[in-house]
Protein backbone atom coordinates (compact mmCIF):
# COMPACT_ATOMS: atom_id res chain seq x y z
CA MET A 1 -51.07 29.97 13.09
CA PRO A 2 -50.20 33.34 11.55
CA ARG A 3 -53.13 34.93 9.75
CA ASP A 4 -53.07 34.80 5.95
CA TYR A 5 -55.11 38.01 5.78
CA HIS A 6 -55.35 40.87 8.24
CA SER A 7 -58.14 43.38 8.73
CA ALA A 8 -58.23 46.91 10.09
CA SER A 9 -59.62 45.43 13.33
CA SER A 10 -56.87 42.83 13.79
CA ILE A 11 -54.17 45.41 13.03
CA ASN A 12 -55.61 47.86 15.53
CA VAL A 13 -55.82 45.10 18.15
CA TYR A 14 -52.10 44.38 17.68
CA LYS A 15 -51.23 48.07 17.96
CA GLN A 16 -53.33 48.31 21.12
CA CYS A 17 -51.67 45.28 22.72
CA PRO A 18 -49.68 42.49 21.02
CA ARG A 19 -50.60 40.06 23.82
CA LYS A 20 -54.29 40.71 23.26
CA TYR A 21 -53.71 40.01 19.55
CA TYR A 22 -52.04 36.72 20.49
CA TYR A 23 -55.00 35.56 22.58
CA GLN A 24 -57.60 36.63 20.03
CA TYR A 25 -55.97 35.76 16.70
CA ILE A 26 -53.23 33.21 17.39
CA LYS A 27 -54.84 31.14 20.16
CA GLU A 28 -58.29 32.10 18.86
CA LEU A 29 -59.78 32.29 22.34
CA PRO A 30 -63.50 33.13 22.36
CA THR A 31 -64.36 36.80 22.83
CA LYS A 32 -67.11 37.99 25.11
CA LYS A 33 -70.35 39.50 23.88
CA SER A 34 -71.05 43.07 24.93
CA ILE A 35 -74.04 45.36 24.59
CA HIS A 36 -71.89 47.79 22.60
CA LEU A 37 -70.90 45.15 20.06
CA ILE A 38 -74.47 43.82 19.83
CA ARG A 39 -75.87 47.32 19.45
CA GLY A 40 -73.31 48.14 16.77
CA ASN A 41 -74.43 45.10 14.78
CA ILE A 42 -78.09 46.08 15.21
CA VAL A 43 -77.49 49.63 13.98
CA HIS A 44 -75.50 48.42 10.97
CA SER A 45 -78.32 46.05 10.07
CA VAL A 46 -80.91 48.84 10.36
CA LEU A 47 -78.97 51.21 8.11
CA GLU A 48 -78.18 48.53 5.56
CA GLU A 49 -81.81 47.38 5.35
CA PHE A 50 -83.13 50.95 5.26
CA PHE A 51 -81.61 51.53 1.83
CA LYS A 52 -83.41 48.47 0.47
CA ILE A 53 -86.83 50.09 0.83
CA ASP A 54 -88.85 51.01 -2.24
CA ILE A 55 -88.79 54.79 -2.11
CA ASN A 56 -91.64 54.90 -4.64
CA GLU A 57 -93.97 53.69 -1.88
CA ILE A 58 -93.15 56.70 0.30
CA SER A 59 -95.45 59.68 -0.14
CA LYS A 60 -93.99 63.10 -0.92
CA GLU A 61 -96.40 64.78 1.48
CA ASN A 62 -95.42 62.71 4.54
CA PHE A 63 -92.00 61.36 3.57
CA ASP A 64 -90.27 62.68 6.70
CA PHE A 65 -92.72 60.96 9.06
CA GLU A 66 -92.86 57.76 7.02
CA LEU A 67 -89.08 57.40 6.77
CA ARG A 68 -88.71 57.98 10.51
CA MET A 69 -91.24 55.22 11.10
CA VAL A 70 -89.33 52.91 8.73
CA THR A 71 -86.14 53.34 10.76
CA LEU A 72 -87.99 52.86 14.06
CA ASP A 73 -89.70 49.70 12.81
CA LEU A 74 -86.37 48.33 11.60
CA LEU A 75 -84.76 49.11 14.95
CA LYS A 76 -87.54 47.30 16.83
CA LYS A 77 -87.27 44.32 14.49
CA HIS A 78 -83.51 43.89 14.83
CA TRP A 79 -83.57 44.64 18.56
CA LEU A 80 -86.06 41.82 19.08
CA ASP A 81 -83.95 39.53 16.89
CA LYS A 82 -81.05 40.09 19.32
CA LYS A 83 -83.22 40.01 22.46
CA GLY A 84 -81.61 36.81 23.77
CA ASP A 85 -78.08 38.17 23.40
CA ILE A 86 -79.07 41.49 24.98
CA PHE A 87 -80.61 39.82 28.05
CA GLU A 88 -77.45 37.73 28.36
CA VAL A 89 -75.06 40.68 28.64
CA VAL A 90 -77.03 43.57 30.20
CA SER A 91 -77.18 43.75 33.97
CA PRO A 92 -79.27 44.96 35.67
CA LYS A 93 -82.04 44.22 33.17
CA GLU A 94 -83.59 47.63 33.79
CA LYS A 95 -80.76 49.14 31.73
CA ILE A 96 -82.07 47.47 28.56
CA GLY A 97 -84.61 50.28 28.18
CA PHE A 98 -81.81 52.83 28.55
CA TYR A 99 -79.74 51.20 25.81
CA PHE A 100 -82.75 50.97 23.51
CA GLU A 101 -83.60 54.66 23.93
CA GLU A 102 -79.96 55.62 23.42
CA THR A 103 -79.86 53.57 20.23
CA ARG A 104 -83.13 55.09 19.02
CA GLU A 105 -81.59 58.53 19.57
CA MET A 106 -78.60 57.55 17.40
CA ILE A 107 -80.86 56.32 14.62
CA GLY A 108 -82.97 59.46 15.00
CA CYS A 109 -79.94 61.71 14.52
CA TRP A 110 -78.93 59.76 11.45
CA ILE A 111 -82.36 59.89 9.77
CA ASN A 112 -82.67 63.62 10.57
CA ASP A 113 -79.42 64.26 8.71
CA LEU A 114 -80.65 62.21 5.76
CA LEU A 115 -84.02 63.98 5.66
CA ASP A 116 -82.27 67.36 5.51
CA LYS A 117 -80.56 66.24 2.30
CA LEU A 118 -83.69 64.92 0.57
CA GLU A 119 -85.64 67.06 -1.89
CA PRO A 120 -89.41 66.67 -1.36
CA ASP A 121 -90.26 67.64 -4.95
CA ASN A 122 -87.67 65.22 -6.30
CA LEU A 123 -87.86 62.54 -3.63
CA VAL A 124 -87.05 59.40 -5.63
CA GLU A 125 -84.09 60.85 -7.50
CA SER A 126 -82.59 62.57 -4.45
CA PHE A 127 -83.01 59.40 -2.33
CA ASN A 128 -81.31 57.25 -4.96
CA LYS A 129 -78.49 59.78 -5.22
CA LEU A 130 -77.89 59.51 -1.48
CA LYS A 131 -78.19 55.72 -1.52
CA PRO A 132 -74.80 54.03 -1.07
CA LYS A 133 -73.58 50.53 -1.69
CA THR A 134 -73.56 48.90 1.73
CA GLU A 135 -71.29 46.34 3.36
CA VAL A 136 -68.93 46.35 0.40
CA GLU A 137 -66.31 43.60 0.65
CA VAL A 138 -62.83 44.75 -0.32
CA VAL A 139 -59.82 42.44 -0.50
CA SER A 140 -56.20 42.93 -1.47
CA ASP A 141 -54.37 39.73 -2.35
CA LYS A 142 -51.25 41.81 -2.86
CA TYR A 143 -51.15 43.18 0.68
CA LYS A 144 -53.08 40.32 2.32
CA VAL A 145 -55.69 42.51 3.96
CA ARG A 146 -59.48 42.54 3.71
CA GLY A 147 -62.54 44.25 5.14
CA TYR A 148 -66.10 45.47 4.68
CA ILE A 149 -66.82 49.14 4.05
CA ASP A 150 -70.15 50.20 5.57
CA ALA A 151 -71.06 52.62 2.79
CA VAL A 152 -69.56 53.46 -0.61
CA PHE A 153 -70.86 56.43 -2.59
CA ASP A 154 -69.67 55.72 -6.13
CA GLU A 155 -70.41 59.04 -7.82
CA GLU A 156 -68.53 61.06 -5.23
CA GLY A 157 -65.92 58.39 -4.55
CA ILE A 158 -66.61 58.60 -0.82
CA ILE A 159 -66.26 55.78 1.72
CA LEU A 160 -67.95 55.96 5.09
CA ASP A 161 -67.95 53.89 8.28
CA TYR A 162 -70.65 54.06 10.96
CA LYS A 163 -69.72 54.33 14.65
CA THR A 164 -71.99 54.07 17.71
CA SER A 165 -69.31 55.13 20.20
CA ASN A 166 -69.32 58.27 22.34
CA LYS A 167 -66.38 59.68 20.41
CA ASP A 168 -67.03 62.53 17.99
CA TYR A 169 -63.61 62.83 16.35
CA ILE A 170 -61.33 60.69 14.21
CA THR A 171 -58.81 59.00 16.49
CA GLU A 172 -55.52 57.49 15.32
CA GLU A 173 -57.25 54.10 15.41
CA TYR A 174 -60.05 55.36 13.16
CA LYS A 175 -57.53 57.08 10.86
CA LEU A 176 -55.70 53.78 10.36
CA GLN A 177 -58.98 52.01 9.63
CA LEU A 178 -59.91 54.62 7.02
CA ALA A 179 -56.42 54.47 5.53
CA ILE A 180 -56.69 50.68 5.12
CA TYR A 181 -60.17 50.98 3.62
CA SER A 182 -58.84 53.61 1.21
CA LEU A 183 -56.03 51.25 0.18
CA LEU A 184 -58.56 48.43 -0.34
CA PHE A 185 -60.83 50.76 -2.33
CA TYR A 186 -57.85 51.70 -4.50
CA GLU A 187 -56.97 48.04 -5.05
CA LYS A 188 -60.58 47.18 -5.96
CA TYR A 189 -61.50 50.14 -8.17
CA GLY A 190 -58.12 51.33 -9.44
CA LYS A 191 -58.61 54.83 -8.03
CA MET A 192 -58.40 56.54 -4.67
CA PRO A 193 -61.60 57.57 -2.93
CA SER A 194 -62.05 61.35 -2.87
CA LYS A 195 -62.38 61.22 0.89
CA ALA A 196 -62.99 58.76 3.70
CA GLY A 197 -64.92 59.36 6.86
CA ILE A 198 -66.77 58.28 9.96
CA ASN A 199 -70.44 58.89 10.58
CA PHE A 200 -70.60 59.32 14.35
CA LEU A 201 -74.31 58.67 14.48
CA ARG A 202 -74.89 61.00 17.41
CA PHE A 203 -72.68 63.80 16.13
CA GLY A 204 -72.59 63.66 12.33
CA GLU A 205 -69.88 62.99 9.77
CA GLU A 206 -66.14 63.70 9.88
CA TYR A 207 -63.83 63.16 6.91
CA ILE A 208 -60.15 62.93 6.11
CA LEU A 209 -58.55 63.69 2.77
CA VAL A 210 -57.28 60.64 0.92
CA ASP A 211 -53.92 61.15 -0.78
CA LYS A 212 -50.83 59.14 -1.71
CA GLU A 213 -49.36 59.71 1.74
CA LEU A 214 -52.39 58.09 3.40
CA ILE A 215 -52.23 55.09 1.04
CA GLU A 216 -48.52 54.62 1.75
CA PHE A 217 -49.22 54.86 5.47
CA ALA A 218 -51.72 52.00 5.15
CA LYS A 219 -49.33 49.88 3.08
CA ASN A 220 -46.52 50.31 5.61
CA GLU A 221 -48.74 49.49 8.59
CA VAL A 222 -50.09 46.33 6.93
CA LYS A 223 -46.61 45.14 5.96
CA LYS A 224 -45.29 45.82 9.46
CA ILE A 225 -48.05 43.86 11.18
CA HIS A 226 -47.62 40.89 8.84
CA LYS A 227 -43.92 40.84 9.72
CA LEU A 228 -44.59 41.07 13.46
CA THR A 229 -47.22 38.31 13.56
CA GLN A 230 -45.39 35.38 11.97
CA SER A 231 -44.64 33.68 15.29
CA ASN A 232 -46.92 31.39 17.31
CA GLU A 233 -44.93 31.94 20.52
CA ILE A 234 -46.54 33.96 23.28
CA GLY A 235 -43.21 35.52 24.19
CA ASP A 236 -43.12 37.27 20.82
CA TYR A 237 -46.29 39.18 21.72
CA PRO A 238 -45.41 41.50 24.63
CA LYS A 239 -48.01 42.99 26.92
CA CYS A 240 -48.88 46.63 26.64
CA GLN A 241 -50.01 47.35 30.19
CA GLY A 242 -52.10 50.44 30.75
CA PRO A 243 -55.60 51.85 31.29
CA LEU A 244 -57.14 49.45 28.77
CA CYS A 245 -56.18 46.42 30.89
CA LYS A 246 -58.62 47.21 33.67
CA TRP A 247 -60.79 50.20 34.46
CA GLY A 248 -63.52 51.20 36.88
CA SER A 249 -66.42 49.44 35.19
CA GLY A 250 -64.67 46.63 33.36
CA GLU A 251 -61.55 44.97 32.08
CA CYS A 252 -59.96 43.57 28.92
CA GLU A 253 -61.72 40.37 27.97
CA PHE A 254 -58.42 38.48 28.32
CA TYR A 255 -57.39 40.16 31.58
CA GLN A 256 -57.87 37.13 33.82
CA ILE A 257 -56.00 34.85 31.40
CA CYS A 258 -53.21 37.40 31.11
CA ILE A 259 -52.89 37.68 34.90
CA GLY A 260 -52.97 33.89 35.15
CA GLU A 261 -50.01 33.63 32.80
CA ASP A 262 -48.07 36.01 35.06
CA MET A 263 -48.84 33.90 38.12
CA LYS A 264 -47.67 30.72 36.37
CA ASN A 265 -44.42 32.36 35.31
CA ASN A 266 -43.77 33.69 38.81
CA GLN A 267 -44.37 30.23 40.29
CA LYS A 268 -41.85 28.73 37.87
CA LEU A 269 -39.25 31.37 38.80
CA ASN A 270 -39.82 30.81 42.52
CA LYS A 271 -38.93 27.15 42.13
CA PHE A 272 -35.34 28.02 41.25
């Protein structure tokens, strides 16, 4: 059935490949777990839980060391929570250590950036000033789109999303996500965010300016995808064949199904 509400993720999937959208959101075929998805969830959990600490229990003299240890302890905790899933998807198992160290490096870069912004002589106040609302649900019944913003900084009107990818720049896909989040922020709070950005945990933060043009861009994209996804027929969701179908180390999670559909169609044609 057509989706009542879209998200930035579902819209980007359609733009990447309508056929992939069909398998994932119309047929609702199960998606595969991956270490990158699992790790992303772990990191989001660490950052969300970090801001729930009682900063009054952190000493001014050793705050940098203590806050680094807090993040490391949280990483270990959430990594162990997902141990079963990690062992299921990582092969060979020796690479688990590599992924853990890589994730610890990401968290380390993030906490270093935060520590640079803290004021030792005014630790509590400066921490609370940097503390965002996390995992903020935003919904627009008018445009039938919803999502969760990783971090919202109310005083500055800034919205921020965390990424664990190797990219260090805002792609068109990320721009659309930020545009949709800006639209949802506007619908929820009645004002535009001052700016929207991505925290590339390894590389720092990048922002785009939020203006009326960006909001209109988001509205138009949402409306267009709703119009294009009313059908339940596979033929109305064409394939977008390219590098994302299959690459050296992997393939689209629906690749085999997609190829299978081609074989069935060719067999039918050969009968005539």
